[in-house]
Amino acid sequence: MAAGRTGPRLRVGVISAGRVGAVLGAALRRAGHQVSAVSAVSEASLRRAEELLPGVAVLPPDEVARQADLVLLAVPDDAIAGLVRGLVATDSLRGGQILVHTSGAHGVDVLAAATEIDVLPLALHPAMTFTGRAEDVERLATACMAVTASTSDDAGWHVAEALALELGMEPVRVPEESRGLYHAALSHGANHLITLVNECAELLRGAGIEVPERVMAPILSASLDNALRLGDRAITGPVMRGDAGTVRAHLAALSDANPEIVPSYRELAKRTAERAEDAGILRADGAEAVREALGEQPS
């Protein structure tokens, strides 16, 4: 299959209409493919199917797979292998089909049961967060797609990359053995960033700031932009300056406001000091003072 709209159109079956599945189904449909069926059980998934894939038949997973050329598995990571075994056992898959899962944590090994019947296995993980709404389809064009195929299957890699390009995404090859680290890295950044931002908002509300989002947005946006452009050279604040007194004051304020946040502040401040020292923007004596303020013994 070639990238762009010149290749053969595929009948796509989506299992299931979660946030990712419904959006990717809609994007494939917009690229010219035919979404023939989708599976959906919960009220939320049924609503997403209706909104993003109007007119598409809602069927059980085995029936979705049987009528598709490309079967898209957008199910939880731990459910993939069992689902594939079930589809194979019920003769719902056939040789020549393309079987794609959207898990970031897995490569194609998790699809092994299907490869035994000559199904083409692909792992396509969109490196973005999903709300399950129509705007996600547009956001795909700004994101990368982590693609993995069987090591010895050049055709598989090309099909995976072509699918990503059809969605307007930039394909990035991730070897099978690196999928776990790839996913851990993105989860550490994206998921923990959300926790950090929301804890920041709660603390600002406790400080009497009625609209913390307005205060946070410029400084957090600038910090993210600087970090992406400058790496560790973008570190600012009391840790970078070796301002141990301010670090102690922070710990005292956090202990009064929300003691549960103190351990994460300590650990992040420690890592920030280590990275700032390694980058040459924090002197050794300043790093030592910060570590003492954080409750560590001097080295």
Protein backbone atom coordinates (compact mmCIF):
# COMPACT_ATOMS: atom_id res chain seq x y z
CA MET A 1 0.00 0.00 0.00
CA ALA A 2 1.41 3.39 -0.94
CA ALA A 3 1.18 6.52 1.17
CA GLY A 4 -1.32 9.20 0.20
CA ARG A 5 -4.67 8.69 -1.46
CA THR A 6 -3.39 6.72 -4.44
CA GLY A 7 -3.19 3.32 -2.73
CA PRO A 8 -5.99 0.76 -2.50
CA ARG A 9 -8.73 1.62 -0.04
CA LEU A 10 -9.09 -0.72 2.92
CA ARG A 11 -12.12 -1.92 4.83
CA VAL A 12 -11.29 -1.03 8.43
CA GLY A 13 -12.74 -2.69 11.52
CA VAL A 14 -12.26 -0.86 14.83
CA ILE A 15 -12.10 -2.79 18.12
CA SER A 16 -13.10 -0.77 20.16
CA ALA A 17 -14.54 2.78 20.12
CA GLY A 18 -12.49 4.11 23.01
CA ARG A 19 -10.83 7.50 22.85
CA VAL A 20 -8.06 6.27 20.58
CA GLY A 21 -9.98 3.79 18.46
CA ALA A 22 -12.81 6.14 17.54
CA VAL A 23 -10.42 8.96 16.63
CA LEU A 24 -8.10 6.79 14.53
CA GLY A 25 -11.12 5.23 12.84
CA ALA A 26 -12.40 8.69 11.95
CA ALA A 27 -8.95 9.69 10.68
CA LEU A 28 -8.66 6.58 8.49
CA ARG A 29 -12.12 7.28 7.15
CA ARG A 30 -11.10 10.84 6.31
CA ALA A 31 -8.05 9.44 4.53
CA GLY A 32 -10.39 7.57 2.20
CA HIS A 33 -10.65 4.15 3.81
CA GLN A 34 -13.99 2.52 4.57
CA VAL A 35 -14.71 1.88 8.24
CA SER A 36 -16.99 -1.11 7.89
CA ALA A 37 -17.75 -1.83 11.55
CA VAL A 38 -16.85 -0.89 15.10
CA SER A 39 -17.29 -2.56 18.47
CA ALA A 40 -18.65 -0.54 21.39
CA VAL A 41 -20.23 -1.56 24.67
CA SER A 42 -20.23 1.27 27.20
CA GLU A 43 -22.44 4.32 26.85
CA ALA A 44 -19.36 6.49 26.33
CA SER A 45 -17.99 4.30 23.53
CA LEU A 46 -21.38 4.07 21.85
CA ARG A 47 -21.62 7.85 21.96
CA ARG A 48 -18.14 8.24 20.49
CA ALA A 49 -18.98 5.78 17.72
CA GLU A 50 -22.10 7.74 16.87
CA GLU A 51 -20.30 11.09 16.90
CA LEU A 52 -17.03 10.17 15.18
CA LEU A 53 -18.12 7.23 13.03
CA PRO A 54 -21.73 8.02 12.09
CA GLY A 55 -23.45 5.35 10.08
CA VAL A 56 -20.88 2.66 10.92
CA ALA A 57 -22.35 -0.63 12.10
CA VAL A 58 -21.75 -1.49 15.76
CA LEU A 59 -20.98 -5.21 15.98
CA PRO A 60 -19.28 -7.71 18.31
CA PRO A 61 -15.47 -7.85 17.96
CA ASP A 62 -15.42 -11.14 16.04
CA GLU A 63 -17.83 -9.80 13.41
CA VAL A 64 -15.88 -6.55 13.18
CA ALA A 65 -12.72 -8.50 12.42
CA ARG A 66 -14.25 -10.88 9.88
CA GLN A 67 -15.34 -8.16 7.46
CA ALA A 68 -12.18 -6.02 7.65
CA ASP A 69 -8.99 -5.81 5.63
CA LEU A 70 -7.37 -3.83 8.44
CA VAL A 71 -8.34 -4.69 12.02
CA LEU A 72 -7.53 -1.92 14.49
CA LEU A 73 -7.23 -3.07 18.11
CA ALA A 74 -7.59 -0.09 20.44
CA VAL A 75 -7.99 -2.01 23.69
CA PRO A 76 -6.08 -1.93 27.01
CA ASP A 77 -2.50 -3.22 26.83
CA ASP A 78 -3.13 -6.32 28.93
CA ALA A 79 -6.15 -7.34 26.83
CA ILE A 80 -4.41 -7.49 23.44
CA ALA A 81 -2.85 -10.95 23.50
CA GLY A 82 -5.99 -12.66 24.81
CA LEU A 83 -8.20 -10.85 22.32
CA VAL A 84 -5.97 -11.89 19.42
CA ARG A 85 -5.97 -15.51 20.56
CA GLY A 86 -9.76 -15.38 20.76
CA LEU A 87 -10.10 -13.91 17.28
CA VAL A 88 -7.83 -16.61 15.87
CA ALA A 89 -9.67 -19.39 17.72
CA THR A 90 -13.03 -18.24 16.32
CA ASP A 91 -11.66 -17.94 12.76
CA SER A 92 -12.35 -14.21 12.85
CA LEU A 93 -8.98 -13.42 11.29
CA ARG A 94 -7.63 -14.66 7.97
CA GLY A 95 -4.36 -14.61 6.10
CA GLY A 96 -3.64 -11.39 4.26
CA GLN A 97 -5.33 -9.11 6.79
CA ILE A 98 -3.47 -6.27 8.49
CA LEU A 99 -3.73 -6.41 12.27
CA VAL A 100 -2.80 -3.19 14.09
CA HIS A 101 -2.74 -2.42 17.79
CA THR A 102 -2.31 1.04 19.28
CA SER A 103 -0.47 0.18 22.50
CA GLY A 104 2.70 2.13 23.16
CA ALA A 105 4.04 -0.51 25.52
CA HIS A 106 3.96 -3.43 23.08
CA GLY A 107 5.54 -4.21 19.74
CA VAL A 108 4.30 -6.92 17.40
CA ASP A 109 5.22 -9.93 19.54
CA VAL A 110 1.91 -9.55 21.35
CA LEU A 111 0.18 -10.32 18.01
CA ALA A 112 2.06 -13.62 17.59
CA ALA A 113 -1.07 -15.79 17.50
CA ALA A 114 -2.25 -13.97 14.38
CA THR A 115 1.09 -14.09 12.57
CA GLU A 116 0.86 -17.87 12.58
CA ILE A 117 -2.04 -17.61 10.10
CA ASP A 118 -0.21 -15.09 7.88
CA VAL A 119 -1.81 -11.92 9.23
CA LEU A 120 0.46 -8.85 8.90
CA PRO A 121 1.17 -7.55 12.46
CA LEU A 122 1.80 -3.85 13.08
CA ALA A 123 2.13 -1.70 16.19
CA LEU A 124 1.12 1.94 15.69
CA HIS A 125 1.16 4.23 18.69
CA PRO A 126 0.16 7.88 18.23
CA ALA A 127 2.39 9.96 20.52
CA MET A 128 -0.33 12.28 21.81
CA THR A 129 -3.08 12.36 24.40
CA PHE A 130 -6.69 11.78 23.40
CA THR A 131 -9.97 13.22 24.61
CA GLY A 132 -12.07 11.15 22.21
CA ARG A 133 -13.51 14.23 20.53
CA ALA A 134 -13.44 15.46 16.95
CA GLU A 135 -10.60 17.91 17.56
CA ASP A 136 -8.27 14.95 18.19
CA VAL A 137 -8.53 14.06 14.50
CA GLU A 138 -7.05 17.44 13.62
CA ARG A 139 -4.34 17.17 16.27
CA LEU A 140 -3.00 13.98 14.74
CA ALA A 141 -1.29 16.08 12.09
CA THR A 142 0.97 17.63 14.74
CA ALA A 143 2.04 14.31 16.27
CA CYS A 144 4.42 11.46 15.57
CA MET A 145 3.41 7.83 15.16
CA ALA A 146 5.65 5.18 16.72
CA VAL A 147 5.69 2.29 14.24
CA THR A 148 6.93 -1.25 14.79
CA ALA A 149 6.81 -4.24 12.45
CA SER A 150 8.52 -7.62 12.41
CA THR A 151 12.28 -7.12 12.22
CA SER A 152 12.69 -9.09 9.00
CA ASP A 153 9.58 -7.73 7.28
CA ASP A 154 10.50 -4.70 5.20
CA ALA A 155 7.03 -4.63 3.66
CA GLY A 156 5.48 -4.41 7.12
CA TRP A 157 7.58 -1.37 8.02
CA HIS A 158 6.58 0.33 4.78
CA VAL A 159 2.86 -0.38 5.33
CA ALA A 160 3.09 0.97 8.89
CA GLU A 161 4.81 4.14 7.72
CA ALA A 162 2.33 4.60 4.88
CA LEU A 163 -0.61 4.37 7.27
CA ALA A 164 0.97 6.98 9.54
CA LEU A 165 1.56 9.31 6.61
CA GLU A 166 -2.02 8.90 5.42
CA LEU A 167 -3.13 10.18 8.82
CA GLY A 168 -0.86 13.20 8.39
CA MET A 169 1.51 11.96 11.08
CA GLU A 170 5.28 11.61 11.11
CA PRO A 171 6.27 7.93 11.41
CA VAL A 172 9.09 7.12 13.84
CA ARG A 173 10.51 3.61 13.86
CA VAL A 174 10.76 2.01 17.31
CA PRO A 175 12.42 -1.44 17.50
CA GLU A 176 10.48 -4.22 19.21
CA GLU A 177 12.93 -4.37 22.13
CA SER A 178 12.64 -0.63 22.75
CA ARG A 179 8.87 -0.29 22.97
CA GLY A 180 8.81 -0.62 26.76
CA LEU A 181 11.38 2.14 27.29
CA TYR A 182 9.72 4.32 24.64
CA HIS A 183 6.36 4.06 26.39
CA ALA A 184 7.81 4.53 29.87
CA ALA A 185 9.50 7.74 28.71
CA LEU A 186 6.32 9.23 27.26
CA SER A 187 4.21 8.15 30.24
CA HIS A 188 6.74 9.63 32.64
CA GLY A 189 6.61 12.94 30.80
CA ALA A 190 2.98 13.26 29.74
CA ASN A 191 1.13 11.54 32.58
CA HIS A 192 3.23 12.87 35.42
CA LEU A 193 3.14 16.35 33.90
CA ILE A 194 -0.64 16.33 34.29
CA THR A 195 -0.32 15.31 37.94
CA LEU A 196 2.27 18.02 38.54
CA VAL A 197 0.18 20.72 36.88
CA ASN A 198 -2.95 19.78 38.79
CA GLU A 199 -1.09 19.73 42.10
CA CYS A 200 0.31 23.17 41.26
CA ALA A 201 -3.24 24.41 40.61
CA GLU A 202 -4.46 23.05 43.94
CA LEU A 203 -1.64 24.75 45.81
CA LEU A 204 -2.35 28.07 44.09
CA ARG A 205 -6.00 27.82 45.04
CA GLY A 206 -4.85 27.25 48.61
CA ALA A 207 -2.81 30.44 48.28
CA GLY A 208 -5.97 32.36 47.41
CA ILE A 209 -5.52 32.42 43.61
CA GLU A 210 -9.04 32.17 42.21
CA VAL A 211 -8.03 31.33 38.63
CA PRO A 212 -4.77 29.36 38.92
CA GLU A 213 -4.88 28.33 35.27
CA ARG A 214 -4.43 31.96 34.22
CA VAL A 215 -1.35 32.29 36.43
CA MET A 216 0.13 28.92 35.46
CA ALA A 217 -0.37 28.96 31.69
CA PRO A 218 2.34 31.46 30.67
CA ILE A 219 5.08 30.20 32.97
CA LEU A 220 4.40 26.49 32.41
CA SER A 221 4.07 26.92 28.65
CA ALA A 222 7.35 28.84 28.55
CA SER A 223 9.05 26.21 30.69
CA LEU A 224 7.95 23.40 28.37
CA ASP A 225 9.02 25.32 25.28
CA ASN A 226 12.39 26.16 26.81
CA ALA A 227 12.96 22.58 27.92
CA LEU A 228 12.25 21.24 24.43
CA ARG A 229 14.59 23.79 22.85
CA LEU A 230 17.35 24.09 25.41
CA GLY A 231 17.33 20.87 27.41
CA ASP A 232 18.80 21.16 30.92
CA ARG A 233 20.06 24.65 30.13
CA ALA A 234 16.43 25.74 30.57
CA ILE A 235 16.42 24.98 34.32
CA THR A 236 15.56 28.03 36.41
CA GLY A 237 14.53 28.70 40.01
CA PRO A 238 16.01 28.34 43.48
CA VAL A 239 17.51 24.88 42.92
CA MET A 240 19.47 26.10 39.89
CA ARG A 241 20.68 29.08 41.93
CA GLY A 242 21.68 26.91 44.89
CA ASP A 243 19.24 28.91 47.04
CA ALA A 244 18.92 26.42 49.89
CA GLY A 245 17.03 28.82 52.14
CA THR A 246 14.19 29.12 49.62
CA VAL A 247 14.09 25.36 49.19
CA ARG A 248 13.67 24.99 52.97
CA ALA A 249 10.89 27.60 52.90
CA HIS A 250 9.16 25.67 50.12
CA LEU A 251 9.26 22.47 52.13
CA ALA A 252 7.79 24.24 55.16
CA ALA A 253 4.98 25.82 53.10
CA LEU A 254 4.15 22.54 51.40
CA SER A 255 4.18 20.67 54.71
CA ASP A 256 1.56 23.08 56.04
CA ALA A 257 -0.56 23.12 52.87
CA ASN A 258 -0.42 19.50 51.68
CA PRO A 259 2.18 17.15 53.20
CA GLU A 260 1.43 14.51 50.56
CA ILE A 261 3.16 16.67 47.95
CA VAL A 262 6.40 17.00 49.93
CA PRO A 263 7.96 13.65 48.84
CA SER A 264 7.50 14.39 45.13
CA TYR A 265 8.86 17.94 45.59
CA ARG A 266 11.93 16.54 47.37
CA GLU A 267 12.61 13.95 44.67
CA LEU A 268 12.08 16.35 41.76
CA ALA A 269 14.24 19.01 43.42
CA LYS A 270 16.96 16.41 43.98
CA ARG A 271 16.87 15.31 40.32
CA THR A 272 16.83 18.96 39.20
CA ALA A 273 19.93 19.68 41.28
CA GLU A 274 21.71 16.62 39.86
CA ARG A 275 20.89 17.55 36.28
CA ALA A 276 21.76 21.22 36.81
CA GLU A 277 25.13 20.25 38.32
CA ASP A 278 25.84 17.83 35.48
CA ALA A 279 24.95 20.55 32.95
CA GLY A 280 27.41 22.95 34.57
CA ILE A 281 24.80 25.53 35.60
CA LEU A 282 24.91 24.73 39.33
CA ARG A 283 28.19 24.76 41.24
CA ALA A 284 29.09 21.78 43.40
CA ASP A 285 28.77 23.80 46.63
CA GLY A 286 25.33 25.03 45.59
CA ALA A 287 24.22 21.49 44.79
CA GLU A 288 25.49 20.31 48.18
CA ALA A 289 23.57 23.08 49.96
CA VAL A 290 20.36 22.15 48.14
CA ARG A 291 20.81 18.49 49.01
CA GLU A 292 21.29 19.37 52.67
CA ALA A 293 18.14 21.49 52.58
CA LEU A 294 16.27 18.53 51.10
CA GLY A 295 17.32 16.39 54.04
CA GLU A 296 20.22 14.50 52.47
CA GLN A 297 23.62 14.00 54.01
CA PRO A 298 26.43 15.86 52.23
CA SER A 299 28.55 13.62 50.02
